[in-house]
Every structure is written in structure tokens, then in C-alpha cells.
Amino acid sequence: MVGETVADHLRRVRLERAALALRDPGKSVLAIALDAGYQDHSSFTRAFRLRFRCTPSAWRRRPRVLPALSDVHRFEITHSPGGSAMDIHIATLDPLRVAFLRHIGPYNECGPV
């Protein structure tokens, strides 16, 4: 429905987070690539160039305005006083097919999606 597979979604979000991490000059491009799940600098650079049309190093030299990012990973979770906490369970599952709907915006407004 949104023209993006789960794998494409994960790749995009990881690259967008890496683009944000590149604002930190104290962190190497290789460290950012590894944090984003890439095995080496060259595969990260290829994927980054496809997404942002420039290398990670060139992106790092850009002004701090990052208009190409989608904001999908920048949100705040707010709790109202007296609200209940989320009941979180971690489980290992067998491989399965999944479907997802993409929501861009505040987490607390994703209910209609």
C-alpha cells in the first residue's frame, strides 16, 4: 500500500538514523556504518549514496539542515498522569510474513492507522 517493503523500510530508517549520526564529528563513518547494520564501509557508502545522492563524508560536510529525512524515528512518547504502562513481552518467533502500515508523525496519533 505504501510502496515500501519491510526490508526497504528498515534500510531507509537505518540510513536516516545514520545520516543524523553523521552530525557528530567525533564518530567515524565506519562506526556509524557498523551501528547501522552494515558489514563494512563500502557497502554502507553504496547504500547511503543511493538514498541521499552523496557519500556519507559529503553529507557530513553539509549544513545542519537535514530536509531529506522523514521524521519516522523522531517522536516522543507521552504518558498521561494515571495512565497505564505498556505491557511489554519479548519473544522469539518462527519466521512469518508480516504486513505493516506506515505512520509518519507523533506516536500517540498512530491509532487511526
C-alpha atoms as a PDB file:
ATOM      1  CA  MET A   1       0.000   0.000   0.000  1.00  0.00           C
ATOM      2  CA  VAL A   2       2.842   2.433   0.671  1.00  0.00           C
ATOM      3  CA  GLY A   3       5.249   1.147  -1.956  1.00  0.00           C
ATOM      4  CA  GLU A   4       7.850   0.109   0.595  1.00  0.00           C
ATOM      5  CA  THR A   5       8.622  -3.426   1.730  1.00  0.00           C
ATOM      6  CA  VAL A   6       9.560  -4.165   5.329  1.00  0.00           C
ATOM      7  CA  ALA A   7      13.190  -4.594   4.247  1.00  0.00           C
ATOM      8  CA  ASP A   8      13.091  -1.251   2.384  1.00  0.00           C
ATOM      9  CA  HIS A   9      11.533   0.415   5.425  1.00  0.00           C
ATOM     10  CA  LEU A  10      14.252  -0.906   7.746  1.00  0.00           C
ATOM     11  CA  ARG A  11      17.008   0.088   5.315  1.00  0.00           C
ATOM     12  CA  ARG A  12      15.561   3.597   4.967  1.00  0.00           C
ATOM     13  CA  VAL A  13      15.195   4.135   8.711  1.00  0.00           C
ATOM     14  CA  ARG A  14      18.709   2.823   9.405  1.00  0.00           C
ATOM     15  CA  LEU A  15      20.170   5.123   6.754  1.00  0.00           C
ATOM     16  CA  GLU A  16      18.203   8.100   8.075  1.00  0.00           C
ATOM     17  CA  ARG A  17      19.458   7.433  11.591  1.00  0.00           C
ATOM     18  CA  ALA A  18      22.976   7.137  10.193  1.00  0.00           C
ATOM     19  CA  ALA A  19      22.518  10.499   8.447  1.00  0.00           C
ATOM     20  CA  LEU A  20      21.597  12.031  11.798  1.00  0.00           C
ATOM     21  CA  ALA A  21      24.581  10.337  13.468  1.00  0.00           C
ATOM     22  CA  LEU A  22      26.908  11.863  10.873  1.00  0.00           C
ATOM     23  CA  ARG A  23      26.301  15.235  12.534  1.00  0.00           C
ATOM     24  CA  ASP A  24      28.621  14.058  15.317  1.00  0.00           C
ATOM     25  CA  PRO A  25      32.166  14.733  14.072  1.00  0.00           C
ATOM     26  CA  GLY A  26      33.593  12.636  16.899  1.00  0.00           C
ATOM     27  CA  LYS A  27      32.142   9.407  15.486  1.00  0.00           C
ATOM     28  CA  SER A  28      33.805   7.772  12.495  1.00  0.00           C
ATOM     29  CA  VAL A  29      31.887   6.905   9.343  1.00  0.00           C
ATOM     30  CA  LEU A  30      32.870   3.263   9.858  1.00  0.00           C
ATOM     31  CA  ALA A  31      31.454   3.234  13.406  1.00  0.00           C
ATOM     32  CA  ILE A  32      28.203   4.743  12.106  1.00  0.00           C
ATOM     33  CA  ALA A  33      28.095   2.167   9.277  1.00  0.00           C
ATOM     34  CA  LEU A  34      28.517  -0.694  11.742  1.00  0.00           C
ATOM     35  CA  ASP A  35      25.867   0.779  14.065  1.00  0.00           C
ATOM     36  CA  ALA A  36      23.500   0.917  11.076  1.00  0.00           C
ATOM     37  CA  GLY A  37      23.975  -2.806  10.492  1.00  0.00           C
ATOM     38  CA  TYR A  38      26.384  -2.720   7.560  1.00  0.00           C
ATOM     39  CA  GLN A  39      29.340  -5.112   7.453  1.00  0.00           C
ATOM     40  CA  ASP A  40      31.808  -2.614   6.019  1.00  0.00           C
ATOM     41  CA  HIS A  41      32.364   0.972   4.938  1.00  0.00           C
ATOM     42  CA  SER A  42      31.935   0.323   1.202  1.00  0.00           C
ATOM     43  CA  SER A  43      28.501  -1.342   1.400  1.00  0.00           C
ATOM     44  CA  PHE A  44      27.296   1.452   3.684  1.00  0.00           C
ATOM     45  CA  THR A  45      28.643   4.114   1.317  1.00  0.00           C
ATOM     46  CA  ARG A  46      26.910   2.500  -1.688  1.00  0.00           C
ATOM     47  CA  ALA A  47      23.565   2.297   0.129  1.00  0.00           C
ATOM     48  CA  PHE A  48      23.949   5.821   1.513  1.00  0.00           C
ATOM     49  CA  ARG A  49      24.737   7.238  -1.943  1.00  0.00           C
ATOM     50  CA  LEU A  50      21.654   5.554  -3.419  1.00  0.00           C
ATOM     51  CA  ARG A  51      19.442   7.056  -0.693  1.00  0.00           C
ATOM     52  CA  PHE A  52      20.944  10.560  -0.349  1.00  0.00           C
ATOM     53  CA  ARG A  53      22.790  11.047  -3.665  1.00  0.00           C
ATOM     54  CA  CYS A  54      26.096  11.757  -1.958  1.00  0.00           C
ATOM     55  CA  THR A  55      28.678   9.959   0.151  1.00  0.00           C
ATOM     56  CA  PRO A  56      28.472   9.918   3.960  1.00  0.00           C
ATOM     57  CA  SER A  57      31.542  12.189   4.123  1.00  0.00           C
ATOM     58  CA  ALA A  58      29.962  14.713   1.758  1.00  0.00           C
ATOM     59  CA  TRP A  59      26.738  14.568   3.797  1.00  0.00           C
ATOM     60  CA  ARG A  60      28.729  15.282   6.956  1.00  0.00           C
ATOM     61  CA  ARG A  61      30.110  18.477   5.397  1.00  0.00           C
ATOM     62  CA  ARG A  62      26.598  19.761   4.552  1.00  0.00           C
ATOM     63  CA  PRO A  63      24.879  22.410   6.657  1.00  0.00           C
ATOM     64  CA  ARG A  64      22.993  21.070   9.648  1.00  0.00           C
ATOM     65  CA  VAL A  65      19.591  21.273   7.934  1.00  0.00           C
ATOM     66  CA  LEU A  66      18.516  17.727   7.035  1.00  0.00           C
ATOM     67  CA  PRO A  67      15.425  18.094   4.809  1.00  0.00           C
ATOM     68  CA  ALA A  68      15.672  14.621   3.233  1.00  0.00           C
ATOM     69  CA  LEU A  69      14.792  12.786   6.451  1.00  0.00           C
ATOM     70  CA  SER A  70      11.268  11.514   7.034  1.00  0.00           C
ATOM     71  CA  ASP A  71      10.927  12.065  10.810  1.00  0.00           C
ATOM     72  CA  VAL A  72       9.714   8.470  11.183  1.00  0.00           C
ATOM     73  CA  HIS A  73      12.141   7.857  14.036  1.00  0.00           C
ATOM     74  CA  ARG A  74      11.906  11.230  15.773  1.00  0.00           C
ATOM     75  CA  PHE A  75       8.903  11.209  18.056  1.00  0.00           C
ATOM     76  CA  GLU A  76       8.102  11.474  21.730  1.00  0.00           C
ATOM     77  CA  ILE A  77       6.025   9.025  23.727  1.00  0.00           C
ATOM     78  CA  THR A  78       3.993  10.870  26.302  1.00  0.00           C
ATOM     79  CA  HIS A  79       2.257   9.368  29.300  1.00  0.00           C
ATOM     80  CA  SER A  80      -0.719  10.996  30.921  1.00  0.00           C
ATOM     81  CA  PRO A  81      -0.949  11.023  34.694  1.00  0.00           C
ATOM     82  CA  GLY A  82      -2.765   7.922  35.880  1.00  0.00           C
ATOM     83  CA  GLY A  83      -2.269   6.196  32.516  1.00  0.00           C
ATOM     84  CA  SER A  84      -1.254   2.573  32.331  1.00  0.00           C
ATOM     85  CA  ALA A  85       2.214   1.465  31.330  1.00  0.00           C
ATOM     86  CA  MET A  86       2.724  -0.668  28.239  1.00  0.00           C
ATOM     87  CA  ASP A  87       2.791  -4.401  28.860  1.00  0.00           C
ATOM     88  CA  ILE A  88       5.947  -5.459  27.002  1.00  0.00           C
ATOM     89  CA  HIS A  89       6.859  -9.063  26.206  1.00  0.00           C
ATOM     90  CA  ILE A  90       9.962 -10.229  24.353  1.00  0.00           C
ATOM     91  CA  ALA A  91       9.621 -13.496  22.461  1.00  0.00           C
ATOM     92  CA  THR A  92      11.495 -15.425  19.787  1.00  0.00           C
ATOM     93  CA  LEU A  93       9.191 -16.347  16.910  1.00  0.00           C
ATOM     94  CA  ASP A  94       9.495 -18.607  13.903  1.00  0.00           C
ATOM     95  CA  PRO A  95       9.794 -16.753  10.569  1.00  0.00           C
ATOM     96  CA  LEU A  96       6.467 -15.302   9.462  1.00  0.00           C
ATOM     97  CA  ARG A  97       5.034 -12.949   6.874  1.00  0.00           C
ATOM     98  CA  VAL A  98       4.189  -9.502   8.130  1.00  0.00           C
ATOM     99  CA  ALA A  99       2.245  -6.538   6.866  1.00  0.00           C
ATOM    100  CA  PHE A 100       2.637  -3.000   8.094  1.00  0.00           C
ATOM    101  CA  LEU A 101       1.118   0.417   7.638  1.00  0.00           C
ATOM    102  CA  ARG A 102       3.442   3.379   7.725  1.00  0.00           C
ATOM    103  CA  HIS A 103       2.613   6.258  10.043  1.00  0.00           C
ATOM    104  CA  ILE A 104       4.564   9.499   9.936  1.00  0.00           C
ATOM    105  CA  GLY A 105       4.005  11.792  12.862  1.00  0.00           C
ATOM    106  CA  PRO A 106       3.608  11.647  16.624  1.00  0.00           C
ATOM    107  CA  TYR A 107       3.413   8.159  18.087  1.00  0.00           C
ATOM    108  CA  ASN A 108       0.288   8.967  20.065  1.00  0.00           C
ATOM    109  CA  GLU A 109      -1.561   9.763  16.809  1.00  0.00           C
ATOM    110  CA  CYS A 110      -0.938   6.398  15.118  1.00  0.00           C
ATOM    111  CA  GLY A 111      -4.196   4.839  16.353  1.00  0.00           C
ATOM    112  CA  PRO A 112      -6.192   5.542  13.153  1.00  0.00           C
ATOM    113  CA  VAL A 113      -3.507   3.844  11.051  1.00  0.00           C
END
